Amino acid sequence: MEIEKKVFDIFKKRVGIDFEKECHLRNQKLLGAIIQLPPRELLMIYMDIEQVLGVTVPKREILKENFDTFDNILRIVKENI
């Protein structure tokens, strides 16, 4: 549960979206038409996850384009903690 809170906090601080309250956005593409996150911010989230949680996101997840929604990123973090 602590891990989830930290991921929620990273997103809230970095992009101003509270995915705890905005559950309907959790499976939306972060770079897509609804959320419209700038690519730079997704990179910053990647770096925040590495720094705050000490998790290295596997290259295969990036290459498979899985680092694209809040839920996918949370799953990746949990699998690699």
N, C-alpha and C. Protein backbone atom coordinates (compact mmCIF):
# COMPACT_ATOMS: atom_id res chain seq x y z
N MET A 1 0.82 -1.20 0.00
CA MET A 1 0.00 0.00 0.00
C MET A 1 0.86 1.26 0.00
N GLU A 2 1.98 1.21 0.69
CA GLU A 2 2.91 2.34 0.73
C GLU A 2 3.42 2.68 -0.67
N ILE A 3 3.67 1.64 -1.47
CA ILE A 3 4.16 1.83 -2.84
C ILE A 3 3.12 2.59 -3.65
N GLU A 4 1.86 2.14 -3.57
CA GLU A 4 0.79 2.81 -4.30
C GLU A 4 0.70 4.29 -3.92
N LYS A 5 0.77 4.58 -2.64
CA LYS A 5 0.69 5.97 -2.18
C LYS A 5 1.81 6.81 -2.79
N LYS A 6 3.02 6.25 -2.83
CA LYS A 6 4.15 6.99 -3.39
C LYS A 6 3.95 7.24 -4.88
N VAL A 7 3.40 6.25 -5.61
CA VAL A 7 3.14 6.45 -7.04
C VAL A 7 2.04 7.50 -7.22
N PHE A 8 0.98 7.41 -6.42
CA PHE A 8 -0.08 8.44 -6.48
C PHE A 8 0.52 9.82 -6.24
N ASP A 9 1.40 9.93 -5.24
CA ASP A 9 2.01 11.22 -4.89
C ASP A 9 2.89 11.75 -6.02
N ILE A 10 3.65 10.86 -6.66
CA ILE A 10 4.50 11.28 -7.79
C ILE A 10 3.65 11.92 -8.87
N PHE A 11 2.56 11.25 -9.23
CA PHE A 11 1.70 11.78 -10.29
C PHE A 11 1.00 13.07 -9.87
N LYS A 12 0.54 13.11 -8.64
CA LYS A 12 -0.15 14.31 -8.16
C LYS A 12 0.77 15.52 -8.17
N LYS A 13 2.01 15.30 -7.69
CA LYS A 13 2.97 16.40 -7.65
C LYS A 13 3.45 16.80 -9.05
N ARG A 14 3.71 15.80 -9.87
CA ARG A 14 4.31 16.07 -11.18
C ARG A 14 3.31 16.62 -12.19
N VAL A 15 2.09 16.06 -12.23
CA VAL A 15 1.14 16.47 -13.27
C VAL A 15 -0.18 17.01 -12.75
N GLY A 16 -0.35 17.01 -11.41
CA GLY A 16 -1.55 17.59 -10.83
C GLY A 16 -2.80 16.74 -10.97
N ILE A 17 -2.64 15.45 -11.27
CA ILE A 17 -3.80 14.57 -11.36
C ILE A 17 -3.80 13.64 -10.15
N ASP A 18 -4.90 13.62 -9.44
CA ASP A 18 -5.05 12.74 -8.28
C ASP A 18 -5.76 11.48 -8.76
N PHE A 19 -4.98 10.46 -9.12
CA PHE A 19 -5.55 9.23 -9.66
C PHE A 19 -6.31 8.43 -8.60
N GLU A 20 -6.16 8.76 -7.33
CA GLU A 20 -6.99 8.13 -6.29
C GLU A 20 -8.44 8.58 -6.45
N LYS A 21 -8.63 9.84 -6.78
CA LYS A 21 -9.98 10.40 -6.96
C LYS A 21 -10.46 10.28 -8.39
N GLU A 22 -9.55 10.39 -9.34
CA GLU A 22 -9.90 10.35 -10.76
C GLU A 22 -9.69 8.93 -11.32
N CYS A 23 -10.39 7.96 -10.72
CA CYS A 23 -10.22 6.55 -11.09
C CYS A 23 -10.48 6.29 -12.57
N HIS A 24 -11.39 7.03 -13.15
CA HIS A 24 -11.75 6.83 -14.55
C HIS A 24 -10.58 7.16 -15.51
N LEU A 25 -9.57 7.85 -15.01
CA LEU A 25 -8.42 8.20 -15.86
C LEU A 25 -7.27 7.20 -15.77
N ARG A 26 -7.36 6.26 -14.88
CA ARG A 26 -6.23 5.35 -14.63
C ARG A 26 -5.81 4.52 -15.83
N ASN A 27 -6.73 4.20 -16.72
CA ASN A 27 -6.39 3.41 -17.90
C ASN A 27 -6.30 4.24 -19.17
N GLN A 28 -6.36 5.54 -19.03
CA GLN A 28 -6.22 6.42 -20.19
C GLN A 28 -4.75 6.59 -20.53
N LYS A 29 -4.45 6.63 -21.82
CA LYS A 29 -3.08 6.87 -22.27
C LYS A 29 -2.64 8.24 -21.78
N LEU A 30 -1.51 8.29 -21.10
CA LEU A 30 -1.02 9.55 -20.55
C LEU A 30 -0.70 10.56 -21.64
N LEU A 31 -0.21 10.09 -22.77
CA LEU A 31 0.12 10.99 -23.87
C LEU A 31 -1.05 11.15 -24.85
N GLY A 32 -2.19 10.54 -24.53
CA GLY A 32 -3.34 10.55 -25.42
C GLY A 32 -4.15 11.83 -25.37
N ALA A 33 -5.24 11.81 -26.10
CA ALA A 33 -6.08 13.00 -26.29
C ALA A 33 -6.79 13.45 -25.01
N ILE A 34 -7.04 12.55 -24.09
CA ILE A 34 -7.78 12.93 -22.88
C ILE A 34 -6.87 13.58 -21.84
N ILE A 35 -5.77 12.94 -21.49
CA ILE A 35 -4.87 13.49 -20.46
C ILE A 35 -3.89 14.49 -21.06
N GLN A 36 -3.40 14.24 -22.25
CA GLN A 36 -2.50 15.14 -22.98
C GLN A 36 -1.25 15.53 -22.19
N LEU A 37 -0.64 14.55 -21.56
CA LEU A 37 0.59 14.79 -20.82
C LEU A 37 1.74 15.07 -21.79
N PRO A 38 2.50 16.13 -21.58
CA PRO A 38 3.66 16.36 -22.44
C PRO A 38 4.68 15.22 -22.25
N PRO A 39 5.30 14.76 -23.33
CA PRO A 39 6.28 13.67 -23.23
C PRO A 39 7.37 13.94 -22.19
N ARG A 40 7.77 15.17 -22.05
CA ARG A 40 8.79 15.53 -21.07
C ARG A 40 8.35 15.14 -19.65
N GLU A 41 7.08 15.32 -19.35
CA GLU A 41 6.56 14.99 -18.02
C GLU A 41 6.55 13.48 -17.78
N LEU A 42 6.31 12.71 -18.83
CA LEU A 42 6.36 11.25 -18.68
C LEU A 42 7.79 10.82 -18.37
N LEU A 43 8.74 11.45 -19.00
CA LEU A 43 10.15 11.17 -18.70
C LEU A 43 10.47 11.56 -17.26
N MET A 44 9.95 12.67 -16.80
CA MET A 44 10.19 13.10 -15.42
C MET A 44 9.55 12.12 -14.42
N ILE A 45 8.38 11.59 -14.76
CA ILE A 45 7.74 10.57 -13.91
C ILE A 45 8.63 9.34 -13.84
N TYR A 46 9.16 8.93 -14.97
CA TYR A 46 10.09 7.79 -15.03
C TYR A 46 11.27 8.03 -14.08
N MET A 47 11.84 9.21 -14.14
CA MET A 47 12.99 9.54 -13.29
C MET A 47 12.59 9.63 -11.82
N ASP A 48 11.41 10.18 -11.53
CA ASP A 48 10.91 10.24 -10.15
C ASP A 48 10.74 8.83 -9.57
N ILE A 49 10.20 7.92 -10.36
CA ILE A 49 10.01 6.54 -9.91
C ILE A 49 11.35 5.91 -9.56
N GLU A 50 12.33 6.12 -10.41
CA GLU A 50 13.66 5.57 -10.14
C GLU A 50 14.26 6.18 -8.87
N GLN A 51 14.13 7.48 -8.73
CA GLN A 51 14.75 8.18 -7.60
C GLN A 51 14.01 7.93 -6.29
N VAL A 52 12.70 8.10 -6.28
CA VAL A 52 11.91 8.00 -5.05
C VAL A 52 11.75 6.55 -4.59
N LEU A 53 11.49 5.65 -5.56
CA LEU A 53 11.19 4.26 -5.19
C LEU A 53 12.38 3.32 -5.38
N GLY A 54 13.41 3.78 -6.07
CA GLY A 54 14.55 2.92 -6.32
C GLY A 54 14.24 1.79 -7.28
N VAL A 55 13.25 2.00 -8.14
CA VAL A 55 12.82 0.98 -9.10
C VAL A 55 13.36 1.34 -10.48
N THR A 56 14.00 0.37 -11.10
CA THR A 56 14.42 0.54 -12.48
C THR A 56 13.36 -0.08 -13.37
N VAL A 57 12.79 0.71 -14.24
CA VAL A 57 11.78 0.21 -15.16
C VAL A 57 12.49 -0.58 -16.25
N PRO A 58 12.12 -1.85 -16.42
CA PRO A 58 12.78 -2.67 -17.44
C PRO A 58 12.60 -2.08 -18.84
N LYS A 59 13.67 -2.17 -19.62
CA LYS A 59 13.65 -1.65 -20.98
C LYS A 59 12.54 -2.29 -21.80
N ARG A 60 12.27 -3.58 -21.55
CA ARG A 60 11.23 -4.29 -22.32
C ARG A 60 9.85 -3.64 -22.13
N GLU A 61 9.60 -3.08 -20.95
CA GLU A 61 8.31 -2.42 -20.71
C GLU A 61 8.18 -1.15 -21.54
N ILE A 62 9.28 -0.46 -21.70
CA ILE A 62 9.28 0.76 -22.53
C ILE A 62 9.11 0.37 -24.00
N LEU A 63 9.86 -0.63 -24.44
CA LEU A 63 9.81 -1.05 -25.84
C LEU A 63 8.44 -1.61 -26.22
N LYS A 64 7.77 -2.26 -25.28
CA LYS A 64 6.42 -2.79 -25.54
C LYS A 64 5.36 -1.70 -25.40
N GLU A 65 5.78 -0.49 -25.10
CA GLU A 65 4.89 0.67 -24.92
C GLU A 65 3.91 0.45 -23.76
N ASN A 66 4.40 -0.19 -22.70
CA ASN A 66 3.57 -0.43 -21.52
C ASN A 66 3.65 0.71 -20.50
N PHE A 67 4.59 1.59 -20.64
CA PHE A 67 4.75 2.73 -19.72
C PHE A 67 3.87 3.86 -20.23
N ASP A 68 2.54 3.60 -20.27
CA ASP A 68 1.65 4.51 -20.99
C ASP A 68 0.41 4.95 -20.22
N THR A 69 0.03 4.21 -19.17
CA THR A 69 -1.13 4.59 -18.36
C THR A 69 -0.73 4.52 -16.89
N PHE A 70 -1.51 5.16 -16.04
CA PHE A 70 -1.22 5.10 -14.61
C PHE A 70 -1.22 3.66 -14.13
N ASP A 71 -2.26 2.90 -14.48
CA ASP A 71 -2.36 1.51 -14.01
C ASP A 71 -1.19 0.66 -14.49
N ASN A 72 -0.77 0.84 -15.73
CA ASN A 72 0.39 0.08 -16.24
C ASN A 72 1.66 0.44 -15.48
N ILE A 73 1.85 1.71 -15.23
CA ILE A 73 3.05 2.15 -14.50
C ILE A 73 3.03 1.60 -13.08
N LEU A 74 1.87 1.63 -12.43
CA LEU A 74 1.77 1.08 -11.07
C LEU A 74 2.08 -0.42 -11.08
N ARG A 75 1.57 -1.14 -12.07
CA ARG A 75 1.85 -2.57 -12.19
C ARG A 75 3.34 -2.81 -12.38
N ILE A 76 3.98 -2.06 -13.24
CA ILE A 76 5.41 -2.19 -13.49
C ILE A 76 6.20 -1.96 -12.21
N VAL A 77 5.83 -0.92 -11.48
CA VAL A 77 6.53 -0.61 -10.22
C VAL A 77 6.39 -1.78 -9.25
N LYS A 78 5.17 -2.27 -9.07
CA LYS A 78 4.92 -3.37 -8.13
C LYS A 78 5.70 -4.63 -8.51
N GLU A 79 5.79 -4.90 -9.80
CA GLU A 79 6.50 -6.10 -10.27
C GLU A 79 8.01 -5.98 -10.11
N ASN A 80 8.51 -4.77 -10.01
CA ASN A 80 9.96 -4.57 -10.00
C ASN A 80 10.50 -3.98 -8.71
N ILE A 81 9.68 -3.95 -7.70
CA ILE A 81 10.13 -3.38 -6.42
C ILE A 81 11.02 -4.35 -5.68
